[in-house]
Amino acid sequence: MSTRIGILGYGNLGRGVECAIRQNKDMELAAVFTRRAPETVSILTEGVAVHQIGTAADFRDRIDVMVLCGGSATDLPVQTVEYAKYFNVVDSFDTHARIPEHFEGVDAAAKEGGHVAVISAGWDPGMFSLNRLYAGAVLPEGKDYTFWGRGVSQGHSDAVRRIAGVKNAKQYTVPVPAALASVRAGENPELTTRQKHTRECFVVLEEGADAARVEQEIKTMPNYFADYDTTVHFISEEELLTNHSGIPHGGVVIRSGVTGWEKEHKHVVEYQLKLDSNPEFTASVLVACARAAHRLSLEGVTGCKTLFDIAPAYLSAKSGEELRKSLL
């Protein structure tokens, strides 16, 4: 069974989905949809057309799953609800506090359209969420810890770039080594935001900009940097392009728990990711979830799902027999 994928939005994430489709023999790219003029968008796959986003609903009989590659701030809250009426859909909505609200809206739309919608697929939320669930179910007496980085935070980088006098910038989230070591040792520390992560900024200034003012604005920015120890490096644009052009990320999820009648035995469960490309890895999770969405749809399932609701076997291209033989 081949799953026909549509990509809605062709930025870093959309291009990552296209690359992931190439690595999955049971997938094929059916179409790409963009808000830009289609003739200005060049994709990697030969023989597949790019269409204006407003025509997407016309392809409902030619696409099994539409992968939505917009942003969580303004795109996905609208797009996932809209396109779940016409297609099985998958998104990477990652505003944690708004996931319950997003789920409710998408669930109603998907049920109305008779489709499956998988939301918040990626690595956090997504793969990290699954590992928090598994470890917490096995070790109910314990604590969860999540450390992100070292990696580029695209939202924080954008916030720095919006400061007057900043020409370009990249921001890295960095775990505090002592905090990570304490958790791995099973010490179950109580950690503040500042104790868990630091932030490191590499900034290219506009000519004549006041470096001291820019640094002060970064370090005191509420919701982004004020709660963290932040280091600001001023560098040339050439150095930024040479040393900071990628989008790496990753992190660890750790569950530290105890077992035994007197809780005498400690256990630490750790799941770690080291990602050369944040969007390409996220895209790969989206494609696996697209496979699951298609399979669930063929079984007559409708409504919104998260990775919590999907049996692991539905994500894999292997049959149940192959999985039991090779992985169990």
C-alpha atoms as a PDB file:
ATOM      1  CA  MET A   1       0.000   0.000   0.000  1.00  0.00           C
ATOM      2  CA  SER A   2       1.433   3.346  -1.050  1.00  0.00           C
ATOM      3  CA  THR A   3       0.515   6.509   0.833  1.00  0.00           C
ATOM      4  CA  ARG A   4       0.083   9.607  -1.342  1.00  0.00           C
ATOM      5  CA  ILE A   5       1.419  12.629   0.534  1.00  0.00           C
ATOM      6  CA  GLY A   6       0.647  16.296  -0.017  1.00  0.00           C
ATOM      7  CA  ILE A   7       2.935  18.945   1.460  1.00  0.00           C
ATOM      8  CA  LEU A   8       1.339  22.239   2.457  1.00  0.00           C
ATOM      9  CA  GLY A   9       4.072  24.833   2.970  1.00  0.00           C
ATOM     10  CA  TYR A  10       7.531  24.467   1.450  1.00  0.00           C
ATOM     11  CA  GLY A  11      10.106  25.872   3.857  1.00  0.00           C
ATOM     12  CA  ASN A  12      12.720  23.965   5.852  1.00  0.00           C
ATOM     13  CA  LEU A  13      10.098  21.590   7.259  1.00  0.00           C
ATOM     14  CA  GLY A  14       8.340  20.995   3.942  1.00  0.00           C
ATOM     15  CA  ARG A  15      11.634  20.252   2.229  1.00  0.00           C
ATOM     16  CA  GLY A  16      12.450  17.853   5.072  1.00  0.00           C
ATOM     17  CA  VAL A  17       9.164  16.013   4.478  1.00  0.00           C
ATOM     18  CA  GLU A  18      10.031  15.715   0.794  1.00  0.00           C
ATOM     19  CA  CYS A  19      13.413  14.176   1.692  1.00  0.00           C
ATOM     20  CA  ALA A  20      11.795  11.774   4.184  1.00  0.00           C
ATOM     21  CA  ILE A  21       9.289  10.563   1.574  1.00  0.00           C
ATOM     22  CA  ARG A  22      12.222   9.569  -0.622  1.00  0.00           C
ATOM     23  CA  GLN A  23      13.521   7.301   2.169  1.00  0.00           C
ATOM     24  CA  ASN A  24      10.190   5.499   2.642  1.00  0.00           C
ATOM     25  CA  LYS A  25       9.322   3.125  -0.183  1.00  0.00           C
ATOM     26  CA  ASP A  26       5.646   2.993   0.780  1.00  0.00           C
ATOM     27  CA  MET A  27       5.276   6.774   0.341  1.00  0.00           C
ATOM     28  CA  GLU A  28       4.933   8.988  -2.724  1.00  0.00           C
ATOM     29  CA  LEU A  29       4.776  12.755  -3.059  1.00  0.00           C
ATOM     30  CA  ALA A  30       1.551  13.725  -4.824  1.00  0.00           C
ATOM     31  CA  ALA A  31       1.693  17.540  -4.727  1.00  0.00           C
ATOM     32  CA  VAL A  32       3.167  20.588  -2.988  1.00  0.00           C
ATOM     33  CA  PHE A  33       1.083  23.635  -2.050  1.00  0.00           C
ATOM     34  CA  THR A  34       2.449  27.102  -1.366  1.00  0.00           C
ATOM     35  CA  ARG A  35       1.330  30.658  -0.628  1.00  0.00           C
ATOM     36  CA  ARG A  36       4.034  31.888  -2.975  1.00  0.00           C
ATOM     37  CA  ALA A  37       3.658  32.030  -6.724  1.00  0.00           C
ATOM     38  CA  PRO A  38       3.999  28.301  -7.651  1.00  0.00           C
ATOM     39  CA  GLU A  39       6.299  29.043 -10.588  1.00  0.00           C
ATOM     40  CA  THR A  40       8.836  30.575  -8.189  1.00  0.00           C
ATOM     41  CA  VAL A  41       9.097  27.418  -6.029  1.00  0.00           C
ATOM     42  CA  SER A  42      11.583  24.756  -7.126  1.00  0.00           C
ATOM     43  CA  ILE A  43      11.278  21.372  -5.403  1.00  0.00           C
ATOM     44  CA  LEU A  44      13.619  18.374  -5.399  1.00  0.00           C
ATOM     45  CA  THR A  45      11.248  15.698  -6.743  1.00  0.00           C
ATOM     46  CA  GLU A  46      10.972  15.442 -10.514  1.00  0.00           C
ATOM     47  CA  GLY A  47       7.534  15.199 -12.077  1.00  0.00           C
ATOM     48  CA  VAL A  48       5.596  16.610  -9.106  1.00  0.00           C
ATOM     49  CA  ALA A  49       3.789  19.912  -9.519  1.00  0.00           C
ATOM     50  CA  VAL A  50       3.636  22.874  -7.148  1.00  0.00           C
ATOM     51  CA  HIS A  51       0.199  24.441  -6.720  1.00  0.00           C
ATOM     52  CA  GLN A  52      -1.274  27.539  -5.142  1.00  0.00           C
ATOM     53  CA  ILE A  53      -2.500  26.827  -1.618  1.00  0.00           C
ATOM     54  CA  GLY A  54      -6.022  27.953  -2.435  1.00  0.00           C
ATOM     55  CA  THR A  55      -6.488  24.990  -4.789  1.00  0.00           C
ATOM     56  CA  ALA A  56      -5.582  22.305  -2.219  1.00  0.00           C
ATOM     57  CA  ALA A  57      -9.164  21.206  -1.499  1.00  0.00           C
ATOM     58  CA  ASP A  58      -9.544  20.253  -5.176  1.00  0.00           C
ATOM     59  CA  PHE A  59      -7.005  17.436  -4.613  1.00  0.00           C
ATOM     60  CA  ARG A  60      -8.930  15.602  -1.884  1.00  0.00           C
ATOM     61  CA  ASP A  61      -9.295  12.471  -4.041  1.00  0.00           C
ATOM     62  CA  ARG A  62      -5.612  12.419  -5.027  1.00  0.00           C
ATOM     63  CA  ILE A  63      -3.981  12.767  -1.591  1.00  0.00           C
ATOM     64  CA  ASP A  64      -4.165  10.279   1.281  1.00  0.00           C
ATOM     65  CA  VAL A  65      -2.517  12.516   3.904  1.00  0.00           C
ATOM     66  CA  MET A  66      -1.758  16.232   3.832  1.00  0.00           C
ATOM     67  CA  VAL A  67       1.316  17.117   5.892  1.00  0.00           C
ATOM     68  CA  LEU A  68       0.976  20.663   7.196  1.00  0.00           C
ATOM     69  CA  CYS A  69       4.321  22.454   7.424  1.00  0.00           C
ATOM     70  CA  GLY A  70       3.326  25.890   8.683  1.00  0.00           C
ATOM     71  CA  GLY A  71       4.247  27.562  11.952  1.00  0.00           C
ATOM     72  CA  SER A  72       2.569  26.979  15.307  1.00  0.00           C
ATOM     73  CA  ALA A  73       2.047  30.660  16.096  1.00  0.00           C
ATOM     74  CA  THR A  74      -0.430  31.620  13.377  1.00  0.00           C
ATOM     75  CA  ASP A  75      -0.553  28.964  10.618  1.00  0.00           C
ATOM     76  CA  LEU A  76      -1.430  25.636  12.227  1.00  0.00           C
ATOM     77  CA  PRO A  77      -4.206  26.820  14.570  1.00  0.00           C
ATOM     78  CA  VAL A  78      -6.115  27.814  11.425  1.00  0.00           C
ATOM     79  CA  GLN A  79      -4.793  25.399   8.787  1.00  0.00           C
ATOM     80  CA  THR A  80      -5.133  22.113  10.687  1.00  0.00           C
ATOM     81  CA  VAL A  81      -8.781  22.811  11.518  1.00  0.00           C
ATOM     82  CA  GLU A  82      -9.476  23.874   7.928  1.00  0.00           C
ATOM     83  CA  TYR A  83      -7.751  21.045   6.069  1.00  0.00           C
ATOM     84  CA  ALA A  84      -8.930  18.279   8.409  1.00  0.00           C
ATOM     85  CA  LYS A  85     -12.311  18.810   6.743  1.00  0.00           C
ATOM     86  CA  TYR A  86     -10.870  17.693   3.386  1.00  0.00           C
ATOM     87  CA  PHE A  87      -7.948  15.377   4.177  1.00  0.00           C
ATOM     88  CA  ASN A  88      -6.302  13.155   6.717  1.00  0.00           C
ATOM     89  CA  VAL A  89      -3.709  15.580   8.122  1.00  0.00           C
ATOM     90  CA  VAL A  90      -0.551  15.647  10.251  1.00  0.00           C
ATOM     91  CA  ASP A  91       0.936  18.724  11.938  1.00  0.00           C
ATOM     92  CA  SER A  92       3.803  19.621  14.269  1.00  0.00           C
ATOM     93  CA  PHE A  93       1.940  22.093  16.515  1.00  0.00           C
ATOM     94  CA  ASP A  94       4.387  22.697  19.367  1.00  0.00           C
ATOM     95  CA  THR A  95       2.903  25.380  21.627  1.00  0.00           C
ATOM     96  CA  HIS A  96       2.607  23.028  24.628  1.00  0.00           C
ATOM     97  CA  ALA A  97       0.172  25.129  26.648  1.00  0.00           C
ATOM     98  CA  ARG A  98      -2.298  25.350  23.753  1.00  0.00           C
ATOM     99  CA  ILE A  99      -2.281  21.677  22.696  1.00  0.00           C
ATOM    100  CA  PRO A 100      -5.547  20.809  24.526  1.00  0.00           C
ATOM    101  CA  GLU A 101      -7.327  23.728  22.844  1.00  0.00           C
ATOM    102  CA  HIS A 102      -5.841  22.833  19.447  1.00  0.00           C
ATOM    103  CA  PHE A 103      -6.887  19.192  19.909  1.00  0.00           C
ATOM    104  CA  GLU A 104     -10.524  20.123  20.565  1.00  0.00           C
ATOM    105  CA  GLY A 105     -10.846  22.270  17.443  1.00  0.00           C
ATOM    106  CA  VAL A 106      -9.097  19.774  15.182  1.00  0.00           C
ATOM    107  CA  ASP A 107     -11.036  16.817  16.613  1.00  0.00           C
ATOM    108  CA  ALA A 108     -14.373  18.435  15.748  1.00  0.00           C
ATOM    109  CA  ALA A 109     -13.232  19.311  12.223  1.00  0.00           C
ATOM    110  CA  ALA A 110     -11.743  15.873  11.528  1.00  0.00           C
ATOM    111  CA  LYS A 111     -14.879  14.075  12.732  1.00  0.00           C
ATOM    112  CA  GLU A 112     -17.041  16.388  10.636  1.00  0.00           C
ATOM    113  CA  GLY A 113     -14.962  15.559   7.559  1.00  0.00           C
ATOM    114  CA  GLY A 114     -14.612  11.859   8.383  1.00  0.00           C
ATOM    115  CA  HIS A 115     -10.828  12.080   8.585  1.00  0.00           C
ATOM    116  CA  VAL A 116      -7.893  11.335  10.909  1.00  0.00           C
ATOM    117  CA  ALA A 117      -5.771  14.244  12.160  1.00  0.00           C
ATOM    118  CA  VAL A 118      -2.486  13.667  14.004  1.00  0.00           C
ATOM    119  CA  ILE A 119      -1.290  16.778  15.823  1.00  0.00           C
ATOM    120  CA  SER A 120       1.870  17.794  17.703  1.00  0.00           C
ATOM    121  CA  ALA A 121       4.068  15.242  15.947  1.00  0.00           C
ATOM    122  CA  GLY A 122       7.803  15.891  16.197  1.00  0.00           C
ATOM    123  CA  TRP A 123      10.381  15.367  18.899  1.00  0.00           C
ATOM    124  CA  ASP A 124       9.036  17.672  21.616  1.00  0.00           C
ATOM    125  CA  PRO A 125       6.103  17.440  21.637  1.00  0.00           C
ATOM    126  CA  GLY A 126       6.197  13.974  20.109  1.00  0.00           C
ATOM    127  CA  MET A 127       9.020  11.504  20.705  1.00  0.00           C
ATOM    128  CA  PHE A 128       9.987  13.142  24.011  1.00  0.00           C
ATOM    129  CA  SER A 129       6.331  13.042  25.088  1.00  0.00           C
ATOM    130  CA  LEU A 130       6.151   9.308  24.393  1.00  0.00           C
ATOM    131  CA  ASN A 131       9.252   8.639  26.449  1.00  0.00           C
ATOM    132  CA  ARG A 132       7.890  10.658  29.371  1.00  0.00           C
ATOM    133  CA  LEU A 133       4.721   8.546  29.193  1.00  0.00           C
ATOM    134  CA  TYR A 134       6.483   5.175  28.956  1.00  0.00           C
ATOM    135  CA  ALA A 135       8.952   5.880  31.762  1.00  0.00           C
ATOM    136  CA  GLY A 136       6.288   7.368  34.044  1.00  0.00           C
ATOM    137  CA  ALA A 137       4.013   4.371  33.529  1.00  0.00           C
ATOM    138  CA  VAL A 138       6.838   1.982  34.472  1.00  0.00           C
ATOM    139  CA  LEU A 139       8.196   4.114  37.343  1.00  0.00           C
ATOM    140  CA  PRO A 140       5.191   5.855  38.934  1.00  0.00           C
ATOM    141  CA  GLU A 141       7.321   6.897  41.907  1.00  0.00           C
ATOM    142  CA  GLY A 142       9.717   9.369  40.328  1.00  0.00           C
ATOM    143  CA  LYS A 143      10.333  12.662  38.559  1.00  0.00           C
ATOM    144  CA  ASP A 144      10.638  13.742  34.931  1.00  0.00           C
ATOM    145  CA  TYR A 145      13.410  16.004  33.651  1.00  0.00           C
ATOM    146  CA  THR A 146      13.766  17.424  30.153  1.00  0.00           C
ATOM    147  CA  PHE A 147      16.918  19.141  28.905  1.00  0.00           C
ATOM    148  CA  TRP A 148      17.059  20.742  25.448  1.00  0.00           C
ATOM    149  CA  GLY A 149      20.221  21.391  23.466  1.00  0.00           C
ATOM    150  CA  ARG A 150      22.856  22.147  22.700  1.00  0.00           C
ATOM    151  CA  GLY A 151      20.867  23.442  19.767  1.00  0.00           C
ATOM    152  CA  VAL A 152      19.521  26.377  17.802  1.00  0.00           C
ATOM    153  CA  SER A 153      16.241  27.802  19.026  1.00  0.00           C
ATOM    154  CA  GLN A 154      14.609  29.293  15.936  1.00  0.00           C
ATOM    155  CA  GLY A 155      12.023  31.280  17.904  1.00  0.00           C
ATOM    156  CA  HIS A 156      14.605  32.797  20.234  1.00  0.00           C
ATOM    157  CA  SER A 157      16.924  33.556  17.310  1.00  0.00           C
ATOM    158  CA  ASP A 158      14.081  35.405  15.611  1.00  0.00           C
ATOM    159  CA  ALA A 159      13.387  37.380  18.802  1.00  0.00           C
ATOM    160  CA  VAL A 160      17.017  38.580  18.859  1.00  0.00           C
ATOM    161  CA  ARG A 161      16.886  39.503  15.164  1.00  0.00           C
ATOM    162  CA  ARG A 162      13.906  41.774  15.859  1.00  0.00           C
ATOM    163  CA  ILE A 163      15.951  43.993  18.189  1.00  0.00           C
ATOM    164  CA  ALA A 164      16.882  47.348  16.644  1.00  0.00           C
ATOM    165  CA  GLY A 165      20.506  47.315  15.513  1.00  0.00           C
ATOM    166  CA  VAL A 166      20.711  43.546  15.003  1.00  0.00           C
ATOM    167  CA  LYS A 167      21.478  42.478  11.436  1.00  0.00           C
ATOM    168  CA  ASN A 168      21.467  38.712  12.055  1.00  0.00           C
ATOM    169  CA  ALA A 169      21.656  36.305  14.982  1.00  0.00           C
ATOM    170  CA  LYS A 170      21.564  32.700  16.150  1.00  0.00           C
ATOM    171  CA  GLN A 171      20.678  31.584  19.674  1.00  0.00           C
ATOM    172  CA  TYR A 172      21.630  28.273  21.271  1.00  0.00           C
ATOM    173  CA  THR A 173      19.947  26.582  24.219  1.00  0.00           C
ATOM    174  CA  VAL A 174      22.557  24.805  26.388  1.00  0.00           C
ATOM    175  CA  PRO A 175      21.944  22.390  29.295  1.00  0.00           C
ATOM    176  CA  VAL A 176      23.812  23.157  32.529  1.00  0.00           C
ATOM    177  CA  PRO A 177      26.292  20.248  32.932  1.00  0.00           C
ATOM    178  CA  ALA A 178      26.061  20.125  36.749  1.00  0.00           C
ATOM    179  CA  ALA A 179      22.262  19.907  36.658  1.00  0.00           C
ATOM    180  CA  LEU A 180      22.333  17.160  34.054  1.00  0.00           C
ATOM    181  CA  ALA A 181      24.937  15.199  36.049  1.00  0.00           C
ATOM    182  CA  SER A 182      22.851  15.454  39.217  1.00  0.00           C
ATOM    183  CA  VAL A 183      19.751  14.095  37.488  1.00  0.00           C
ATOM    184  CA  ARG A 184      21.701  11.249  35.860  1.00  0.00           C
ATOM    185  CA  ALA A 185      23.037  10.311  39.306  1.00  0.00           C
ATOM    186  CA  GLY A 186      19.484   9.831  40.549  1.00  0.00           C
ATOM    187  CA  GLU A 187      19.680  12.718  43.021  1.00  0.00           C
ATOM    188  CA  ASN A 188      16.246  14.081  42.020  1.00  0.00           C
ATOM    189  CA  PRO A 189      17.199  17.760  42.393  1.00  0.00           C
ATOM    190  CA  GLU A 190      14.670  20.590  42.442  1.00  0.00           C
ATOM    191  CA  LEU A 191      15.820  22.798  39.569  1.00  0.00           C
ATOM    192  CA  THR A 192      14.778  26.304  38.578  1.00  0.00           C
ATOM    193  CA  THR A 193      14.637  27.400  34.946  1.00  0.00           C
ATOM    194  CA  ARG A 194      17.965  29.203  35.379  1.00  0.00           C
ATOM    195  CA  GLN A 195      19.600  26.118  36.887  1.00  0.00           C
ATOM    196  CA  LYS A 196      18.657  23.819  33.992  1.00  0.00           C
ATOM    197  CA  HIS A 197      19.670  25.780  30.877  1.00  0.00           C
ATOM    198  CA  THR A 198      21.777  28.693  29.734  1.00  0.00           C
ATOM    199  CA  ARG A 199      21.371  30.650  26.514  1.00  0.00           C
ATOM    200  CA  GLU A 200      24.148  31.677  24.137  1.00  0.00           C
ATOM    201  CA  CYS A 201      23.649  34.306  21.430  1.00  0.00           C
ATOM    202  CA  PHE A 202      25.833  35.018  18.401  1.00  0.00           C
ATOM    203  CA  VAL A 203      24.927  38.448  17.054  1.00  0.00           C
ATOM    204  CA  VAL A 204      25.865  40.438  13.956  1.00  0.00           C
ATOM    205  CA  LEU A 205      25.283  44.158  14.511  1.00  0.00           C
ATOM    206  CA  GLU A 206      24.168  46.768  12.019  1.00  0.00           C
ATOM    207  CA  GLU A 207      26.855  49.361  11.364  1.00  0.00           C
ATOM    208  CA  GLY A 208      26.921  51.899  14.182  1.00  0.00           C
ATOM    209  CA  ALA A 209      24.670  49.909  16.513  1.00  0.00           C
ATOM    210  CA  ASP A 210      25.256  50.192  20.278  1.00  0.00           C
ATOM    211  CA  ALA A 211      26.503  46.772  21.392  1.00  0.00           C
ATOM    212  CA  ALA A 212      25.937  47.456  25.092  1.00  0.00           C
ATOM    213  CA  ARG A 213      22.304  48.428  24.486  1.00  0.00           C
ATOM    214  CA  VAL A 214      21.650  45.369  22.315  1.00  0.00           C
ATOM    215  CA  GLU A 215      23.208  43.060  24.900  1.00  0.00           C
ATOM    216  CA  GLN A 216      21.090  44.609  27.664  1.00  0.00           C
ATOM    217  CA  GLU A 217      17.902  44.248  25.606  1.00  0.00           C
ATOM    218  CA  ILE A 218      18.659  40.582  24.948  1.00  0.00           C
ATOM    219  CA  LYS A 219      19.450  39.685  28.552  1.00  0.00           C
ATOM    220  CA  THR A 220      16.358  41.425  29.964  1.00  0.00           C
ATOM    221  CA  MET A 221      13.848  40.253  27.335  1.00  0.00           C
ATOM    222  CA  PRO A 222      10.857  38.750  29.197  1.00  0.00           C
ATOM    223  CA  ASN A 223       9.686  35.222  28.270  1.00  0.00           C
ATOM    224  CA  TYR A 224      12.886  34.631  26.290  1.00  0.00           C
ATOM    225  CA  PHE A 225      16.073  35.494  28.186  1.00  0.00           C
ATOM    226  CA  ALA A 226      15.279  37.232  31.484  1.00  0.00           C
ATOM    227  CA  ASP A 227      14.987  33.929  33.386  1.00  0.00           C
ATOM    228  CA  TYR A 228      18.277  32.510  32.056  1.00  0.00           C
ATOM    229  CA  ASP A 229      21.992  33.185  32.369  1.00  0.00           C
ATOM    230  CA  THR A 230      22.665  34.499  28.858  1.00  0.00           C
ATOM    231  CA  THR A 231      25.979  35.066  27.077  1.00  0.00           C
ATOM    232  CA  VAL A 232      26.099  37.363  24.051  1.00  0.00           C
ATOM    233  CA  HIS A 233      28.902  37.142  21.464  1.00  0.00           C
ATOM    234  CA  PHE A 234      29.230  39.850  18.792  1.00  0.00           C
ATOM    235  CA  ILE A 235      30.691  38.376  15.609  1.00  0.00           C
ATOM    236  CA  SER A 236      31.016  39.153  11.905  1.00  0.00           C
ATOM    237  CA  GLU A 237      28.408  38.083   9.369  1.00  0.00           C
ATOM    238  CA  GLU A 238      31.045  35.912   7.692  1.00  0.00           C
ATOM    239  CA  GLU A 239      31.683  34.056  10.966  1.00  0.00           C
ATOM    240  CA  LEU A 240      27.954  33.569  11.513  1.00  0.00           C
ATOM    241  CA  LEU A 241      27.509  32.070   8.051  1.00  0.00           C
ATOM    242  CA  THR A 242      30.617  29.889   8.387  1.00  0.00           C
ATOM    243  CA  ASN A 243      30.100  28.539  11.907  1.00  0.00           C
ATOM    244  CA  HIS A 244      26.377  28.920  12.621  1.00  0.00           C
ATOM    245  CA  SER A 245      24.499  28.235   9.383  1.00  0.00           C
ATOM    246  CA  GLY A 246      22.990  24.884  10.449  1.00  0.00           C
ATOM    247  CA  ILE A 247      19.900  24.097  12.529  1.00  0.00           C
ATOM    248  CA  PRO A 248      21.124  21.401  14.961  1.00  0.00           C
ATOM    249  CA  HIS A 249      19.224  20.512  18.118  1.00  0.00           C
ATOM    250  CA  GLY A 250      18.423  17.683  20.493  1.00  0.00           C
ATOM    251  CA  GLY A 251      18.231  16.956  24.166  1.00  0.00           C
ATOM    252  CA  VAL A 252      17.378  14.334  26.751  1.00  0.00           C
ATOM    253  CA  VAL A 253      14.314  13.140  28.633  1.00  0.00           C
ATOM    254  CA  ILE A 254      15.119  11.508  31.966  1.00  0.00           C
ATOM    255  CA  ARG A 255      12.862   9.713  34.441  1.00  0.00           C
ATOM    256  CA  SER A 256      14.438   9.154  37.841  1.00  0.00           C
ATOM    257  CA  GLY A 257      12.423   6.722  39.945  1.00  0.00           C
ATOM    258  CA  VAL A 258      12.471   4.115  42.690  1.00  0.00           C
ATOM    259  CA  THR A 259      11.170   0.584  43.252  1.00  0.00           C
ATOM    260  CA  GLY A 260      11.075  -1.830  46.156  1.00  0.00           C
ATOM    261  CA  TRP A 261       8.937  -2.140  49.308  1.00  0.00           C
ATOM    262  CA  GLU A 262      10.951   0.586  51.017  1.00  0.00           C
ATOM    263  CA  LYS A 263      11.745   2.378  47.730  1.00  0.00           C
ATOM    264  CA  GLU A 264      15.323   1.270  48.215  1.00  0.00           C
ATOM    265  CA  HIS A 265      16.342   0.857  44.563  1.00  0.00           C
ATOM    266  CA  LYS A 266      16.949   3.756  42.200  1.00  0.00           C
ATOM    267  CA  HIS A 267      16.450   3.659  38.431  1.00  0.00           C
ATOM    268  CA  VAL A 268      17.211   6.233  35.738  1.00  0.00           C
ATOM    269  CA  VAL A 269      15.615   6.012  32.281  1.00  0.00           C
ATOM    270  CA  GLU A 270      17.130   8.275  29.622  1.00  0.00           C
ATOM    271  CA  TYR A 271      16.188   9.008  26.008  1.00  0.00           C
ATOM    272  CA  GLN A 272      18.572  11.212  24.035  1.00  0.00           C
ATOM    273  CA  LEU A 273      18.498  12.890  20.633  1.00  0.00           C
ATOM    274  CA  LYS A 274      21.417  14.515  18.777  1.00  0.00           C
ATOM    275  CA  LEU A 275      20.089  16.135  15.617  1.00  0.00           C
ATOM    276  CA  ASP A 276      22.095  17.642  12.772  1.00  0.00           C
ATOM    277  CA  SER A 277      18.861  19.122  11.392  1.00  0.00           C
ATOM    278  CA  ASN A 278      15.930  19.915  13.632  1.00  0.00           C
ATOM    279  CA  PRO A 279      13.433  20.386  10.744  1.00  0.00           C
ATOM    280  CA  GLU A 280      14.522  17.239   8.885  1.00  0.00           C
ATOM    281  CA  PHE A 281      14.142  15.049  11.971  1.00  0.00           C
ATOM    282  CA  THR A 282      10.770  16.623  12.767  1.00  0.00           C
ATOM    283  CA  ALA A 283       9.741  15.988   9.158  1.00  0.00           C
ATOM    284  CA  SER A 284      10.708  12.327   9.496  1.00  0.00           C
ATOM    285  CA  VAL A 285       8.395  11.979  12.501  1.00  0.00           C
ATOM    286  CA  LEU A 286       5.605  13.662  10.513  1.00  0.00           C
ATOM    287  CA  VAL A 287       5.991  11.150   7.687  1.00  0.00           C
ATOM    288  CA  ALA A 288       5.837   8.171  10.065  1.00  0.00           C
ATOM    289  CA  CYS A 289       2.674   9.678  11.546  1.00  0.00           C
ATOM    290  CA  ALA A 290       1.253  10.149   8.049  1.00  0.00           C
ATOM    291  CA  ARG A 291       1.584   6.391   7.552  1.00  0.00           C
ATOM    292  CA  ALA A 292      -0.317   5.820  10.801  1.00  0.00           C
ATOM    293  CA  ALA A 293      -3.013   8.337   9.873  1.00  0.00           C
ATOM    294  CA  HIS A 294      -3.591   6.599   6.534  1.00  0.00           C
ATOM    295  CA  ARG A 295      -3.822   3.179   8.167  1.00  0.00           C
ATOM    296  CA  LEU A 296      -6.234   4.391  10.837  1.00  0.00           C
ATOM    297  CA  SER A 297      -8.368   6.085   8.195  1.00  0.00           C
ATOM    298  CA  LEU A 298      -8.606   2.868   6.171  1.00  0.00           C
ATOM    299  CA  GLU A 299      -9.916   1.191   9.328  1.00  0.00           C
ATOM    300  CA  GLY A 300     -12.691   3.772   9.597  1.00  0.00           C
ATOM    301  CA  VAL A 301     -11.199   5.764  12.473  1.00  0.00           C
ATOM    302  CA  THR A 302     -11.951   9.510  12.574  1.00  0.00           C
ATOM    303  CA  GLY A 303     -10.990  12.414  14.814  1.00  0.00           C
ATOM    304  CA  CYS A 304      -7.848  13.914  16.285  1.00  0.00           C
ATOM    305  CA  LYS A 305      -4.973  11.785  17.584  1.00  0.00           C
ATOM    306  CA  THR A 306      -1.590  12.382  19.175  1.00  0.00           C
ATOM    307  CA  LEU A 307       1.344  10.006  19.410  1.00  0.00           C
ATOM    308  CA  PHE A 308      -0.149   8.838  22.715  1.00  0.00           C
ATOM    309  CA  ASP A 309      -3.103   7.376  20.793  1.00  0.00           C
ATOM    310  CA  ILE A 310      -1.213   5.566  18.028  1.00  0.00           C
ATOM    311  CA  ALA A 311      -0.009   1.990  18.439  1.00  0.00           C
ATOM    312  CA  PRO A 312       3.736   1.876  17.631  1.00  0.00           C
ATOM    313  CA  ALA A 313       3.267  -0.685  14.859  1.00  0.00           C
ATOM    314  CA  TYR A 314       1.152   1.797  12.876  1.00  0.00           C
ATOM    315  CA  LEU A 315       4.190   4.069  12.530  1.00  0.00           C
ATOM    316  CA  SER A 316       6.407   1.420  10.928  1.00  0.00           C
ATOM    317  CA  ALA A 317       6.563   0.346   7.302  1.00  0.00           C
ATOM    318  CA  LYS A 318       7.221  -3.209   8.518  1.00  0.00           C
ATOM    319  CA  SER A 319       4.406  -5.719   8.950  1.00  0.00           C
ATOM    320  CA  GLY A 320       3.442  -7.056  12.350  1.00  0.00           C
ATOM    321  CA  GLU A 321       5.181 -10.319  11.548  1.00  0.00           C
ATOM    322  CA  GLU A 322       8.390  -8.501  10.542  1.00  0.00           C
ATOM    323  CA  LEU A 323       8.321  -6.392  13.698  1.00  0.00           C
ATOM    324  CA  ARG A 324       7.866  -9.399  15.972  1.00  0.00           C
ATOM    325  CA  LYS A 325      10.692 -11.223  14.234  1.00  0.00           C
ATOM    326  CA  SER A 326      13.217  -8.392  14.001  1.00  0.00           C
ATOM    327  CA  LEU A 327      12.550  -6.024  16.904  1.00  0.00           C
ATOM    328  CA  LEU A 328      10.612  -7.760  19.658  1.00  0.00           C
END
